[in-house]
Amino acid sequence: MSEYDVVVIGGGAAGLAGAVTVARARRTVLVVDAGQPRNAPAAGIHNYLGREGARPADLLADGRAELAGYGGTVVDGVVSTARREDDGTFRVALDGGREVSARRLLVATGLVDELPDVPGLADRWGRDVLHCPYCHGWEVRDQPIGILATGPNAMHQALLFRQLSEDVVFFLHSGPGLAPEQTEQLTALGVRMVDGEVTGIEVTDDRLTGVRLVTGEVVPRSALVVAPVFTARAGVLDALGVPAMDQEMAGHVVGSAVPADPTGATSVPGVWVAGNVSDLSAQVVVSAAAGLRAGAMINADLVAEDARVAVAAHRSVAV
């Protein structure tokens, strides 16, 4: 069974950044990547200084190449199970039967965006069905934008996207309803509120052109903003004793995330997390930074352990 200082589960920006960090510290590192990047549908990465507009796949390819240059390894696969052994190391099982051993784990498996139950949204996700103004807002500036209300975050989204366009429609849909002061805010900002259930979207020539209501009316829109449920991919962590916890906004569950301290360390010794699995709002650059920080802390932890072992060996020889 192959042995590594660090096994990284997840080969996105967080996982690769963490892996490069420990590899540069001359640690042996293996990245296991299931090939399910959250931002795969997006045309480009934004707010990543120096990589503005880069294709997500290109960023990951460059990250893999950098890791290989420092001696790290990436394998395409899925981690089926991971467990902590009595000696504090970890045994990691991959699909296909391979097992590897690690002194430390970094889990950067990300999250799944669970979209509202409206036909057609999934096919347009990351293109003209959006959720974040900092990820895609500039690209839809000055266009007719719709906000689909399904929870308390819709009002926040409406205010943010109104900064980008004067033509914003707020679809009340299945949302919790607006307080009088919220209605007043939207009215003052020129945001039109539309009652009634949204039953689908209209697409023409591979572009979103409208939002269809239960009445049959189609409201012309070029982009639709939704609020997914951000569900952590935390199966491996749950098995290790670090379950994801519900995250709430105004009493409404908006997703789940794995708790960790600011360095990414979890409650289980030897297990760190980075990226969207523990931070729902992290964009690509933030996830990469979290991976770097976790990688540095993992190396520091290994350095301390190596020193303890060396001192014990030195004392035994001296005796």
Protein backbone atom coordinates (compact mmCIF):
# COMPACT_ATOMS: atom_id res chain seq x y z
CA MET A 1 0.00 0.00 0.00
CA SER A 2 1.40 3.39 -1.04
CA GLU A 3 2.16 5.78 1.80
CA TYR A 4 2.00 9.56 1.59
CA ASP A 5 2.54 12.41 3.97
CA VAL A 6 -0.70 13.99 2.75
CA VAL A 7 -3.65 12.75 0.74
CA VAL A 8 -5.85 15.49 -0.69
CA ILE A 9 -9.42 14.53 -1.55
CA GLY A 10 -10.67 16.87 -4.24
CA GLY A 11 -8.72 18.39 -7.12
CA GLY A 12 -10.28 21.84 -7.44
CA ALA A 13 -8.62 25.15 -6.63
CA ALA A 14 -8.57 24.47 -2.87
CA GLY A 15 -7.25 20.94 -3.14
CA LEU A 16 -4.57 21.71 -5.72
CA ALA A 17 -3.40 24.83 -3.87
CA GLY A 18 -3.05 22.81 -0.69
CA ALA A 19 -1.25 20.03 -2.50
CA VAL A 20 1.24 22.41 -4.15
CA THR A 21 1.94 24.01 -0.77
CA VAL A 22 2.87 20.72 0.90
CA ALA A 23 4.74 19.48 -2.16
CA ARG A 24 6.88 22.63 -2.13
CA ALA A 25 7.67 21.76 1.49
CA ARG A 26 9.08 18.45 0.15
CA ARG A 27 6.19 16.35 1.38
CA THR A 28 4.83 13.40 -0.56
CA VAL A 29 1.29 14.21 -1.66
CA LEU A 30 -1.46 12.47 -3.59
CA VAL A 31 -4.54 14.26 -4.92
CA VAL A 32 -7.61 12.14 -5.64
CA ASP A 33 -9.92 14.02 -8.00
CA ALA A 34 -13.45 12.89 -8.86
CA GLY A 35 -13.60 15.34 -11.76
CA GLN A 36 -16.76 17.16 -10.62
CA PRO A 37 -15.74 20.83 -10.35
CA ARG A 38 -18.60 23.02 -9.22
CA ASN A 39 -17.80 25.76 -11.70
CA ALA A 40 -17.49 23.52 -14.77
CA PRO A 41 -20.50 25.15 -16.56
CA ALA A 42 -19.02 28.65 -16.21
CA ALA A 43 -17.29 30.24 -19.19
CA GLY A 44 -14.64 31.89 -17.05
CA ILE A 45 -13.29 32.61 -13.59
CA HIS A 46 -13.71 36.12 -12.21
CA ASN A 47 -12.18 38.16 -9.39
CA TYR A 48 -9.07 35.97 -9.48
CA LEU A 49 -6.27 38.49 -9.80
CA GLY A 50 -4.15 37.70 -12.84
CA ARG A 51 -6.48 34.94 -14.08
CA GLU A 52 -9.55 37.04 -14.96
CA GLY A 53 -11.74 35.19 -17.45
CA ALA A 54 -9.63 32.04 -17.46
CA ARG A 55 -11.52 28.86 -18.27
CA PRO A 56 -12.03 26.77 -15.11
CA ALA A 57 -10.58 23.71 -16.83
CA ASP A 58 -7.44 25.64 -17.79
CA LEU A 59 -6.85 26.75 -14.21
CA LEU A 60 -7.08 23.16 -12.98
CA ALA A 61 -4.81 21.89 -15.75
CA ASP A 62 -2.22 24.51 -14.84
CA GLY A 63 -2.55 23.56 -11.17
CA ARG A 64 -1.96 19.91 -11.94
CA ALA A 65 1.11 20.77 -13.98
CA GLU A 66 2.51 22.90 -11.16
CA LEU A 67 1.93 20.10 -8.68
CA ALA A 68 3.67 17.58 -10.92
CA GLY A 69 6.65 19.95 -11.13
CA TYR A 70 7.08 19.63 -7.37
CA GLY A 71 6.71 15.85 -7.36
CA GLY A 72 3.03 15.60 -6.42
CA THR A 73 0.66 13.13 -7.99
CA VAL A 74 -2.96 13.36 -9.13
CA VAL A 75 -5.17 10.34 -9.76
CA ASP A 76 -8.64 10.51 -11.24
CA GLY A 77 -11.04 8.63 -9.02
CA VAL A 78 -13.43 8.70 -6.10
CA VAL A 79 -12.60 8.09 -2.46
CA SER A 80 -15.11 5.52 -1.26
CA THR A 81 -14.04 5.46 2.39
CA ALA A 82 -11.44 6.91 4.72
CA ARG A 83 -10.74 5.94 8.30
CA ARG A 84 -8.35 6.95 11.04
CA GLU A 85 -6.13 4.14 12.29
CA ASP A 86 -5.08 3.59 15.90
CA ASP A 87 -1.64 5.05 15.18
CA GLY A 88 -3.17 8.30 13.92
CA THR A 89 -2.60 7.66 10.22
CA PHE A 90 -5.39 7.34 7.69
CA ARG A 91 -6.33 4.56 5.31
CA VAL A 92 -8.01 5.87 2.18
CA ALA A 93 -9.89 3.54 -0.17
CA LEU A 94 -10.45 4.52 -3.79
CA ASP A 95 -12.99 3.14 -6.18
CA GLY A 96 -11.49 0.17 -7.97
CA GLY A 97 -10.03 -1.28 -4.79
CA ARG A 98 -6.81 0.71 -4.40
CA GLU A 99 -5.88 1.77 -0.87
CA VAL A 100 -3.33 4.35 0.24
CA SER A 101 -2.07 5.51 3.61
CA ALA A 102 -1.69 9.12 4.70
CA ARG A 103 -0.30 10.88 7.74
CA ARG A 104 -2.69 13.78 7.18
CA LEU A 105 -5.82 14.43 5.12
CA LEU A 106 -6.98 17.57 3.35
CA VAL A 107 -10.59 17.30 2.19
CA ALA A 108 -11.58 19.79 -0.50
CA THR A 109 -14.60 18.09 -2.04
CA GLY A 110 -16.64 21.27 -2.52
CA LEU A 111 -20.39 21.47 -2.61
CA VAL A 112 -23.38 20.72 -4.83
CA ASP A 113 -25.71 23.51 -5.96
CA GLU A 114 -29.25 22.17 -5.53
CA LEU A 115 -31.33 24.39 -7.80
CA PRO A 116 -34.96 25.39 -7.30
CA ASP A 117 -37.47 22.96 -8.77
CA VAL A 118 -38.20 24.86 -11.96
CA PRO A 119 -37.84 23.09 -15.33
CA GLY A 120 -34.95 24.24 -17.47
CA LEU A 121 -32.77 25.85 -14.81
CA ALA A 122 -30.14 23.11 -14.70
CA ASP A 123 -29.41 23.38 -18.43
CA ARG A 124 -28.70 27.12 -18.12
CA TRP A 125 -26.85 27.00 -14.79
CA GLY A 126 -23.65 29.04 -14.75
CA ARG A 127 -24.53 30.65 -18.06
CA ASP A 128 -27.63 32.85 -17.76
CA VAL A 129 -29.13 31.21 -14.67
CA LEU A 130 -26.93 32.64 -11.93
CA HIS A 131 -26.65 33.20 -8.21
CA CYS A 132 -23.66 35.43 -7.49
CA PRO A 133 -23.10 39.00 -8.72
CA TYR A 134 -19.38 38.73 -8.08
CA CYS A 135 -19.10 35.56 -10.17
CA HIS A 136 -21.24 36.62 -13.14
CA GLY A 137 -22.66 40.08 -12.53
CA TRP A 138 -20.48 42.07 -14.91
CA GLU A 139 -21.39 39.69 -17.73
CA VAL A 140 -25.12 40.52 -17.41
CA ARG A 141 -24.76 44.24 -16.71
CA ASP A 142 -27.46 46.45 -18.25
CA GLN A 143 -29.48 43.39 -19.29
CA PRO A 144 -33.05 42.52 -18.18
CA ILE A 145 -32.50 40.47 -15.03
CA GLY A 146 -34.97 38.42 -13.02
CA ILE A 147 -34.71 37.43 -9.35
CA LEU A 148 -36.45 34.16 -8.41
CA ALA A 149 -37.56 34.32 -4.77
CA THR A 150 -37.38 30.98 -2.98
CA GLY A 151 -35.92 32.12 0.35
CA PRO A 152 -34.67 35.11 2.34
CA ASN A 153 -31.57 35.53 0.17
CA ALA A 154 -33.65 36.79 -2.77
CA MET A 155 -33.95 40.30 -1.37
CA HIS A 156 -30.18 40.50 -0.89
CA GLN A 157 -29.67 39.31 -4.46
CA ALA A 158 -32.17 41.85 -5.79
CA LEU A 159 -30.28 44.74 -4.20
CA LEU A 160 -26.92 43.50 -5.48
CA PHE A 161 -28.07 42.90 -9.05
CA ARG A 162 -29.93 46.21 -9.14
CA GLN A 163 -26.47 47.76 -8.89
CA LEU A 164 -25.72 46.17 -12.27
CA SER A 165 -28.92 46.87 -14.21
CA GLU A 166 -31.82 49.28 -14.15
CA ASP A 167 -34.14 46.55 -15.45
CA VAL A 168 -34.68 44.09 -12.60
CA VAL A 169 -37.87 42.08 -11.98
CA PHE A 170 -38.47 40.36 -8.64
CA PHE A 171 -40.50 37.14 -9.07
CA LEU A 172 -42.23 36.46 -5.76
CA HIS A 173 -42.70 32.77 -6.74
CA SER A 174 -42.44 30.63 -3.57
CA GLY A 175 -40.50 33.10 -1.46
CA PRO A 176 -41.40 33.93 2.15
CA GLY A 177 -43.03 37.20 1.18
CA LEU A 178 -41.70 40.71 1.58
CA ALA A 179 -41.86 42.90 4.63
CA PRO A 180 -43.32 46.37 4.03
CA GLU A 181 -39.90 47.99 4.25
CA GLN A 182 -38.54 45.55 1.66
CA THR A 183 -41.38 46.31 -0.73
CA GLU A 184 -40.67 49.99 -0.25
CA GLN A 185 -36.98 49.46 -1.01
CA LEU A 186 -37.67 47.62 -4.24
CA THR A 187 -40.25 50.18 -5.32
CA ALA A 188 -37.87 53.05 -4.62
CA LEU A 189 -35.17 51.33 -6.65
CA GLY A 190 -37.49 50.73 -9.60
CA VAL A 191 -37.58 46.93 -9.20
CA ARG A 192 -40.89 45.54 -10.49
CA MET A 193 -42.46 42.81 -8.34
CA VAL A 194 -44.36 40.02 -10.09
CA ASP A 195 -46.69 37.69 -8.21
CA GLY A 196 -47.42 34.10 -9.16
CA GLU A 197 -45.52 30.85 -9.51
CA VAL A 198 -42.73 30.54 -12.07
CA THR A 199 -43.20 27.33 -14.06
CA GLY A 200 -40.31 27.49 -16.52
CA ILE A 201 -38.03 29.53 -18.69
CA GLU A 202 -37.94 30.36 -22.38
CA VAL A 203 -34.79 29.78 -24.43
CA THR A 204 -34.19 30.95 -27.99
CA ASP A 205 -31.03 30.23 -30.00
CA ASP A 206 -29.34 28.91 -26.85
CA ARG A 207 -30.05 32.09 -24.89
CA LEU A 208 -32.45 32.72 -22.04
CA THR A 209 -35.18 35.04 -23.32
CA GLY A 210 -37.97 34.87 -20.75
CA VAL A 211 -39.48 33.57 -17.52
CA ARG A 212 -42.83 31.78 -17.78
CA LEU A 213 -45.50 32.18 -15.11
CA VAL A 214 -48.25 29.76 -14.15
CA THR A 215 -50.70 32.05 -15.94
CA GLY A 216 -48.85 31.45 -19.20
CA GLU A 217 -47.43 34.97 -19.29
CA VAL A 218 -43.77 35.18 -20.30
CA VAL A 219 -41.75 38.02 -18.81
CA PRO A 220 -38.81 38.83 -21.08
CA ARG A 221 -35.50 38.37 -19.26
CA SER A 222 -31.92 37.73 -20.33
CA ALA A 223 -30.71 36.38 -16.99
CA LEU A 224 -32.38 34.77 -13.99
CA VAL A 225 -30.89 34.88 -10.51
CA VAL A 226 -31.71 31.95 -8.22
CA ALA A 227 -30.71 30.81 -4.74
CA PRO A 228 -29.51 27.20 -4.69
CA VAL A 229 -29.22 25.10 -1.55
CA PHE A 230 -25.46 24.77 -1.10
CA THR A 231 -24.94 21.18 0.04
CA ALA A 232 -21.46 20.14 1.14
CA ARG A 233 -19.98 17.02 -0.43
CA ALA A 234 -19.15 15.64 2.99
CA GLY A 235 -19.67 11.88 2.80
CA VAL A 236 -16.01 11.08 3.51
CA LEU A 237 -15.89 13.61 6.34
CA ASP A 238 -19.07 12.26 7.87
CA ALA A 239 -17.48 8.80 7.99
CA LEU A 240 -14.44 10.32 9.72
CA GLY A 241 -16.65 11.85 12.40
CA VAL A 242 -16.84 15.38 11.00
CA PRO A 243 -20.43 15.79 9.76
CA ALA A 244 -21.64 18.82 7.84
CA MET A 245 -23.90 21.21 9.72
CA ASP A 246 -26.92 23.10 8.41
CA GLN A 247 -26.29 26.75 7.60
CA GLU A 248 -29.20 29.14 8.12
CA MET A 249 -30.13 32.61 6.96
CA ALA A 250 -33.07 34.32 8.64
CA GLY A 251 -34.22 30.95 9.98
CA HIS A 252 -34.08 29.36 6.53
CA VAL A 253 -31.62 26.53 5.75
CA VAL A 254 -29.49 27.70 2.81
CA GLY A 255 -27.04 24.82 2.80
CA SER A 256 -24.56 22.78 4.79
CA ALA A 257 -20.88 23.13 5.61
CA VAL A 258 -18.26 21.27 7.62
CA PRO A 259 -17.14 23.18 10.73
CA ALA A 260 -13.44 23.97 11.04
CA ASP A 261 -11.18 26.52 12.67
CA PRO A 262 -9.72 29.42 10.63
CA THR A 263 -6.80 27.25 9.49
CA GLY A 264 -9.10 24.53 8.16
CA ALA A 265 -8.43 22.11 11.03
CA THR A 266 -11.45 20.01 11.98
CA SER A 267 -12.32 18.42 15.30
CA VAL A 268 -10.62 15.18 14.19
CA PRO A 269 -6.83 15.35 14.60
CA GLY A 270 -5.07 15.13 11.26
CA VAL A 271 -8.07 16.16 9.12
CA TRP A 272 -8.22 19.58 7.46
CA VAL A 273 -10.79 21.05 5.07
CA ALA A 274 -10.61 23.87 2.52
CA GLY A 275 -12.88 25.51 -0.01
CA ASN A 276 -16.63 25.24 -0.45
CA VAL A 277 -16.97 22.12 1.67
CA SER A 278 -16.49 24.40 4.68
CA ASP A 279 -17.20 27.86 3.25
CA LEU A 280 -20.37 28.29 1.18
CA SER A 281 -19.44 31.75 -0.09
CA ALA A 282 -15.86 31.07 -1.15
CA GLN A 283 -15.10 31.99 -4.75
CA VAL A 284 -12.25 30.34 -6.60
CA VAL A 285 -9.54 32.67 -5.35
CA VAL A 286 -10.78 32.35 -1.76
CA SER A 287 -10.84 28.56 -2.04
CA ALA A 288 -7.29 28.55 -3.39
CA ALA A 289 -6.17 30.76 -0.51
CA ALA A 290 -7.84 28.42 1.99
CA GLY A 291 -6.03 25.48 0.41
CA LEU A 292 -2.71 27.28 0.73
CA ARG A 293 -3.37 28.09 4.38
CA ALA A 294 -4.46 24.54 5.20
CA GLY A 295 -1.45 23.11 3.38
CA ALA A 296 0.91 25.31 5.37
CA MET A 297 -0.73 24.30 8.66
CA ILE A 298 -0.59 20.62 7.71
CA ASN A 299 3.12 20.90 6.98
CA ALA A 300 3.69 22.70 10.29
CA ASP A 301 1.85 19.90 12.08
CA LEU A 302 4.01 17.30 10.35
CA VAL A 303 7.18 19.26 11.18
CA ALA A 304 6.24 19.24 14.86
CA GLU A 305 5.54 15.51 14.73
CA ASP A 306 8.84 14.80 12.95
CA ALA A 307 10.68 16.77 15.64
CA ARG A 308 8.98 14.80 18.44
CA VAL A 309 9.92 11.51 16.79
CA ALA A 310 13.51 12.66 16.26
CA VAL A 311 13.86 13.72 19.90
CA ALA A 312 12.47 10.39 21.12
CA ALA A 313 14.89 8.49 18.87
CA HIS A 314 17.79 10.67 20.01
CA ARG A 315 16.99 10.05 23.66
CA SER A 316 16.76 6.30 23.17
CA VAL A 317 20.20 6.24 21.58
CA ALA A 318 21.65 8.46 24.31
CA VAL A 319 20.37 6.09 26.99
